[in-house]
Amino acid sequence: MERNDFLKTMATLPLISNNMTLNTLNNITNGFLTTKKMPVLFIGHGHPMNALFDNNFTQKLSSIGKKIEKPNAIMVISAHWETRGTFVSVNNQPKTIYDFGGFDRRLFEVKYEPKGHPLLAKQVVELAKEYHINEDHSMGLDHGAWTILKYLFPNADVPVFQLSIDYTQPADYHFRLANTLKNLREKGVLIIGSGNIVHNLSILDWRNIDAKPQEWALEFDELVKSKLNKQDFHSLIKYEQFGQLAKMAIPTNDHYLPMIYTLGLVEKTETVKYLFEGIQYGSISMRCFEIS
């Protein structure tokens, strides 16, 4: 079954019931032919205000979306959906979540509301059985998802669902969990980790997006790049070994862990392609990369 035929078939199906089996899902997706598996993206999403800006970062996101083959669905692992235990959204109609306050009112007027994809979300549960992933029926799209997707796929015509981050687990847990989900890439699923390699809000220059980058921020960002180039993922998982530099760059690991998920999806034969580099507000790395 070709991708277009698959999408037409899905459009004719009735609303998905909870008793639809995963075997049915596998029968559908196993017949879905793709010319190549989907890449994996890590996007440094930065400040929510990027959703309103026309700058070199948002322009780059727009160009990235135009170059990627249109996926069957998108799964986002965002820094802004942390939970106790891991959850996947099976919401068929996810709504825009404004999980912030005190910003420009125009941000609250932005709506990005594609359909969800309960079928593929349920396959996440099946693929990672040993991790006991829970279904969430109400989760929408947090700003780690919609502020970047509005540029990558502005027509909101690709189904989107999110996978949460269990904040009680160490980095290697997230790497191993992601490793069990590699097969999704063969089903036309574009997986996006959305966070920031360097994210220290306590030292942020809120007034100036083009503030001079902190030296330690540049140093850690380049350190991560060098490890990515060597596929030294073990060092990136054990980031605490970088001492004070890591403490400055990752005071909390919520924005760092989405990158760890992307690394868990990598095959040894694949390479990293850098899509964007830069520091906003002095201490937020906007580095973005593709793995394919």
Protein backbone atom coordinates (compact mmCIF):
# COMPACT_ATOMS: atom_id res chain seq x y z
CA MET A 1 0.00 0.00 0.00
CA GLU A 2 1.47 3.36 -0.99
CA ARG A 3 1.45 6.28 1.45
CA ASN A 4 -1.31 8.21 -0.34
CA ASP A 5 -3.49 5.11 -0.47
CA PHE A 6 -2.87 4.54 3.23
CA LEU A 7 -3.96 8.06 4.12
CA LYS A 8 -7.10 7.72 2.00
CA THR A 9 -7.90 4.44 3.73
CA MET A 10 -7.45 5.99 7.17
CA ALA A 11 -9.71 8.89 6.24
CA THR A 12 -12.57 6.49 5.47
CA LEU A 13 -12.34 4.61 8.77
CA PRO A 14 -14.81 5.40 11.57
CA LEU A 15 -13.60 6.95 14.81
CA ILE A 16 -11.14 4.60 16.49
CA SER A 17 -12.62 2.56 19.30
CA ASN A 18 -10.66 1.45 22.32
CA ASN A 19 -11.18 -2.20 21.42
CA MET A 20 -9.45 -1.93 18.05
CA THR A 21 -6.57 -4.34 18.43
CA LEU A 22 -2.92 -3.63 17.90
CA ASN A 23 -2.93 -6.52 15.46
CA THR A 24 -5.24 -4.49 13.25
CA LEU A 25 -2.81 -1.60 13.48
CA ASN A 26 0.13 -3.78 12.55
CA ASN A 27 -1.74 -5.25 9.61
CA ILE A 28 -2.36 -1.75 8.27
CA THR A 29 1.10 -0.31 8.83
CA ASN A 30 3.03 -3.40 7.81
CA GLY A 31 1.57 -3.00 4.34
CA PHE A 32 2.58 0.64 4.17
CA LEU A 33 5.51 1.15 1.82
CA THR A 34 8.05 3.92 2.29
CA THR A 35 10.99 4.64 0.03
CA LYS A 36 13.14 5.30 3.09
CA LYS A 37 12.66 5.53 6.82
CA MET A 38 11.93 8.91 8.31
CA PRO A 39 14.76 10.96 9.80
CA VAL A 40 14.88 11.98 13.46
CA LEU A 41 14.96 15.66 14.42
CA PHE A 42 16.15 17.48 17.49
CA ILE A 43 14.88 21.05 17.60
CA GLY A 44 16.07 23.64 20.10
CA HIS A 45 12.75 25.43 20.51
CA GLY A 46 13.84 28.22 22.86
CA HIS A 47 11.57 31.04 24.02
CA PRO A 48 7.81 30.74 23.27
CA MET A 49 7.99 34.13 21.55
CA ASN A 50 9.73 32.44 18.63
CA ALA A 51 6.20 31.42 17.62
CA LEU A 52 5.62 35.07 16.65
CA PHE A 53 9.05 36.01 15.32
CA ASP A 54 10.32 36.11 11.77
CA ASN A 55 14.02 35.51 12.42
CA ASN A 56 16.84 33.31 11.17
CA PHE A 57 15.72 30.47 13.45
CA THR A 58 12.05 30.42 12.41
CA GLN A 59 13.01 30.89 8.76
CA LYS A 60 15.24 27.85 9.05
CA LEU A 61 12.41 25.79 10.55
CA SER A 62 10.24 26.70 7.57
CA SER A 63 12.92 25.59 5.13
CA ILE A 64 13.45 22.30 7.01
CA GLY A 65 9.76 21.46 6.72
CA LYS A 66 9.81 22.01 2.98
CA LYS A 67 12.68 19.56 2.51
CA ILE A 68 11.33 16.66 4.58
CA GLU A 69 9.11 14.09 2.91
CA LYS A 70 5.62 14.56 4.34
CA PRO A 71 5.30 12.04 7.17
CA ASN A 72 2.35 9.83 8.00
CA ALA A 73 2.42 11.17 11.56
CA ILE A 74 4.67 13.08 13.96
CA MET A 75 5.60 12.06 17.49
CA VAL A 76 7.02 14.83 19.67
CA ILE A 77 9.00 14.34 22.87
CA SER A 78 8.82 17.79 24.44
CA ALA A 79 10.56 19.25 27.46
CA HIS A 80 7.18 20.54 28.59
CA TRP A 81 5.34 17.27 29.17
CA GLU A 82 6.92 15.75 32.25
CA THR A 83 5.08 13.04 34.15
CA ARG A 84 5.57 10.37 36.78
CA GLY A 85 5.60 7.30 34.57
CA THR A 86 5.58 7.54 30.78
CA PHE A 87 2.45 8.48 28.85
CA VAL A 88 1.54 8.66 25.17
CA SER A 89 -1.30 10.82 23.90
CA VAL A 90 -4.12 8.94 22.17
CA ASN A 91 -6.22 12.09 21.88
CA ASN A 92 -7.79 12.22 18.43
CA GLN A 93 -8.18 16.02 18.52
CA PRO A 94 -5.33 17.57 20.53
CA LYS A 95 -5.80 21.24 21.38
CA THR A 96 -3.21 24.00 21.64
CA ILE A 97 -1.87 24.29 25.21
CA TYR A 98 -0.68 27.70 26.47
CA ASP A 99 1.59 26.41 29.21
CA PHE A 100 3.13 29.77 30.08
CA GLY A 101 2.09 33.18 31.35
CA GLY A 102 3.05 36.83 31.20
CA PHE A 103 3.92 36.89 27.51
CA ASP A 104 2.56 38.82 24.54
CA ARG A 105 -1.21 38.26 24.27
CA ARG A 106 -0.77 37.39 20.60
CA LEU A 107 0.77 34.08 21.68
CA PHE A 108 -2.57 33.05 23.15
CA GLU A 109 -4.25 33.70 19.83
CA VAL A 110 -2.10 31.19 17.95
CA LYS A 111 -3.86 27.91 17.26
CA TYR A 112 -2.12 24.85 15.90
CA GLU A 113 -4.49 21.90 16.07
CA PRO A 114 -3.82 18.98 13.71
CA LYS A 115 -5.49 15.65 14.28
CA GLY A 116 -3.96 13.13 16.62
CA HIS A 117 -3.10 9.56 15.63
CA PRO A 118 -4.42 7.11 18.26
CA LEU A 119 -3.52 4.07 16.15
CA LEU A 120 0.18 4.86 16.00
CA ALA A 121 0.19 6.14 19.58
CA LYS A 122 -1.13 2.75 20.70
CA GLN A 123 1.67 1.07 18.78
CA VAL A 124 4.14 2.93 21.02
CA VAL A 125 2.62 1.10 23.98
CA GLU A 126 3.00 -2.21 22.13
CA LEU A 127 6.58 -1.64 21.01
CA ALA A 128 7.76 -0.66 24.49
CA LYS A 129 5.80 -3.21 26.53
CA GLU A 130 8.46 -3.55 29.22
CA TYR A 131 8.21 0.18 29.96
CA HIS A 132 4.47 0.04 30.75
CA ILE A 133 3.57 3.21 28.88
CA ASN A 134 0.17 4.63 29.79
CA GLU A 135 -2.40 6.10 27.42
CA ASP A 136 -3.45 9.72 27.93
CA HIS A 137 -6.77 10.68 26.36
CA SER A 138 -6.74 14.43 27.00
CA MET A 139 -3.23 15.73 26.27
CA GLY A 140 -3.03 18.50 23.69
CA LEU A 141 0.09 20.03 22.16
CA ASP A 142 2.34 21.95 24.54
CA HIS A 143 4.46 24.86 23.37
CA GLY A 144 7.49 22.64 22.86
CA ALA A 145 5.46 21.08 20.05
CA TRP A 146 3.23 23.71 18.44
CA THR A 147 5.69 26.63 18.42
CA ILE A 148 7.96 24.65 16.09
CA LEU A 149 5.39 22.64 14.15
CA LYS A 150 3.64 25.83 13.02
CA TYR A 151 6.77 26.54 10.97
CA LEU A 152 7.71 22.98 10.00
CA PHE A 153 4.21 22.01 8.82
CA PRO A 154 2.19 25.24 8.75
CA ASN A 155 -0.95 23.65 7.28
CA ALA A 156 -1.36 21.40 10.34
CA ASP A 157 -2.19 18.57 7.94
CA VAL A 158 -0.01 15.90 9.55
CA PRO A 159 -1.36 14.02 12.63
CA VAL A 160 0.62 14.71 15.81
CA PHE A 161 0.87 12.94 19.15
CA GLN A 162 3.23 13.37 22.10
CA LEU A 163 5.25 11.05 24.32
CA SER A 164 5.89 12.28 27.85
CA ILE A 165 9.14 12.33 29.81
CA ASP A 166 9.17 10.43 33.11
CA TYR A 167 11.06 12.89 35.31
CA THR A 168 11.75 10.20 37.94
CA GLN A 169 14.05 8.23 35.60
CA PRO A 170 17.76 8.71 34.74
CA ALA A 171 18.98 9.65 31.28
CA ASP A 172 19.95 6.11 30.28
CA TYR A 173 16.33 4.98 30.86
CA HIS A 174 15.12 7.45 28.23
CA PHE A 175 17.84 6.36 25.81
CA ARG A 176 16.86 2.70 26.18
CA LEU A 177 13.15 3.45 25.88
CA ALA A 178 13.72 5.36 22.65
CA ASN A 179 15.72 2.43 21.32
CA THR A 180 12.61 0.24 21.44
CA LEU A 181 10.70 2.69 19.22
CA LYS A 182 12.99 2.66 16.19
CA ASN A 183 10.44 0.72 14.17
CA LEU A 184 8.14 3.75 14.12
CA ARG A 185 10.52 5.40 11.68
CA GLU A 186 9.76 2.62 9.19
CA LYS A 187 6.05 3.44 9.46
CA GLY A 188 6.41 6.98 8.20
CA VAL A 189 6.57 8.53 11.67
CA LEU A 190 8.74 11.61 12.06
CA ILE A 191 10.05 11.70 15.64
CA ILE A 192 11.05 15.09 17.03
CA GLY A 193 12.82 15.81 20.30
CA SER A 194 12.05 19.39 21.32
CA GLY A 195 14.15 20.99 24.04
CA ASN A 196 17.47 22.83 24.32
CA ILE A 197 21.01 21.54 24.83
CA VAL A 198 21.81 24.59 26.96
CA HIS A 199 18.89 26.01 28.94
CA ASN A 200 19.61 28.16 31.98
CA LEU A 201 16.74 30.56 32.68
CA SER A 202 18.37 32.00 35.81
CA ILE A 203 21.06 33.68 33.69
CA LEU A 204 18.82 34.57 30.76
CA ASP A 205 18.95 38.10 29.36
CA TRP A 206 15.18 38.40 28.90
CA ARG A 207 15.43 41.79 27.22
CA ASN A 208 17.71 40.87 24.34
CA ILE A 209 17.30 37.84 22.08
CA ASP A 210 20.66 38.70 20.49
CA ALA A 211 22.53 39.09 23.78
CA LYS A 212 26.19 38.10 23.73
CA PRO A 213 26.39 34.34 24.37
CA GLN A 214 27.82 33.27 27.70
CA GLU A 215 31.22 31.63 27.23
CA TRP A 216 30.22 28.54 29.21
CA ALA A 217 27.08 28.18 27.06
CA LEU A 218 29.15 28.19 23.89
CA GLU A 219 31.65 25.77 25.41
CA PHE A 220 29.02 23.22 26.42
CA ASP A 221 27.16 23.52 23.13
CA GLU A 222 30.38 22.80 21.23
CA LEU A 223 31.24 19.96 23.60
CA VAL A 224 27.92 18.27 22.84
CA LYS A 225 28.50 18.81 19.12
CA SER A 226 31.89 17.10 19.32
CA LYS A 227 30.36 14.10 21.11
CA LEU A 228 27.57 13.90 18.53
CA ASN A 229 30.12 13.90 15.73
CA LYS A 230 31.85 10.89 17.31
CA GLN A 231 28.54 9.18 18.21
CA ASP A 232 29.83 9.17 21.77
CA PHE A 233 26.32 8.93 23.14
CA HIS A 234 27.48 7.30 26.37
CA SER A 235 29.24 10.52 27.38
CA LEU A 236 26.13 12.57 26.61
CA ILE A 237 23.98 10.23 28.69
CA LYS A 238 26.46 10.60 31.56
CA TYR A 239 26.49 14.38 31.21
CA GLU A 240 27.06 14.89 34.94
CA GLN A 241 30.69 13.89 34.32
CA PHE A 242 31.22 17.31 32.72
CA GLY A 243 31.06 18.83 36.19
CA GLN A 244 30.39 22.52 36.73
CA LEU A 245 29.99 23.15 33.01
CA ALA A 246 27.07 20.73 32.88
CA LYS A 247 25.54 22.22 36.02
CA MET A 248 25.53 25.63 34.34
CA ALA A 249 24.14 24.35 31.04
CA ILE A 250 21.66 21.83 32.50
CA PRO A 251 20.44 23.07 35.89
CA THR A 252 17.43 20.82 35.26
CA ASN A 253 17.44 18.14 32.57
CA ASP A 254 13.91 18.61 31.21
CA HIS A 255 15.18 20.38 28.08
CA TYR A 256 18.18 18.08 27.68
CA LEU A 257 16.35 14.73 27.77
CA PRO A 258 14.49 15.21 24.46
CA MET A 259 17.91 15.08 22.81
CA ILE A 260 18.67 11.81 24.59
CA TYR A 261 15.51 10.34 23.05
CA THR A 262 16.70 11.27 19.56
CA LEU A 263 20.04 9.57 20.19
CA GLY A 264 18.30 6.36 21.23
CA LEU A 265 16.71 6.21 17.78
CA VAL A 266 20.00 6.32 15.86
CA GLU A 267 21.44 3.47 13.82
CA LYS A 268 25.23 3.11 13.75
CA THR A 269 25.36 3.76 10.02
CA GLU A 270 23.54 7.09 10.33
CA THR A 271 25.06 10.54 10.59
CA VAL A 272 24.20 13.84 12.22
CA LYS A 273 23.46 16.86 10.06
CA TYR A 274 23.36 20.24 11.81
CA LEU A 275 20.41 22.35 10.74
CA PHE A 276 20.84 25.42 12.95
CA GLU A 277 23.37 26.74 15.46
CA GLY A 278 23.15 29.74 17.74
CA ILE A 279 22.50 31.08 21.22
CA GLN A 280 19.46 33.19 22.09
CA TYR A 281 19.13 35.46 25.14
CA GLY A 282 22.72 34.66 26.11
CA SER A 283 22.12 31.19 27.56
CA ILE A 284 19.74 29.15 25.38
CA SER A 285 21.27 26.92 22.72
CA MET A 286 19.11 26.80 19.61
CA ARG A 287 21.09 23.97 18.03
CA CYS A 288 18.97 21.76 15.78
CA PHE A 289 20.07 18.60 14.01
CA GLU A 290 18.79 15.79 11.84
CA ILE A 291 19.80 12.14 12.06
CA SER A 292 19.42 10.04 8.93
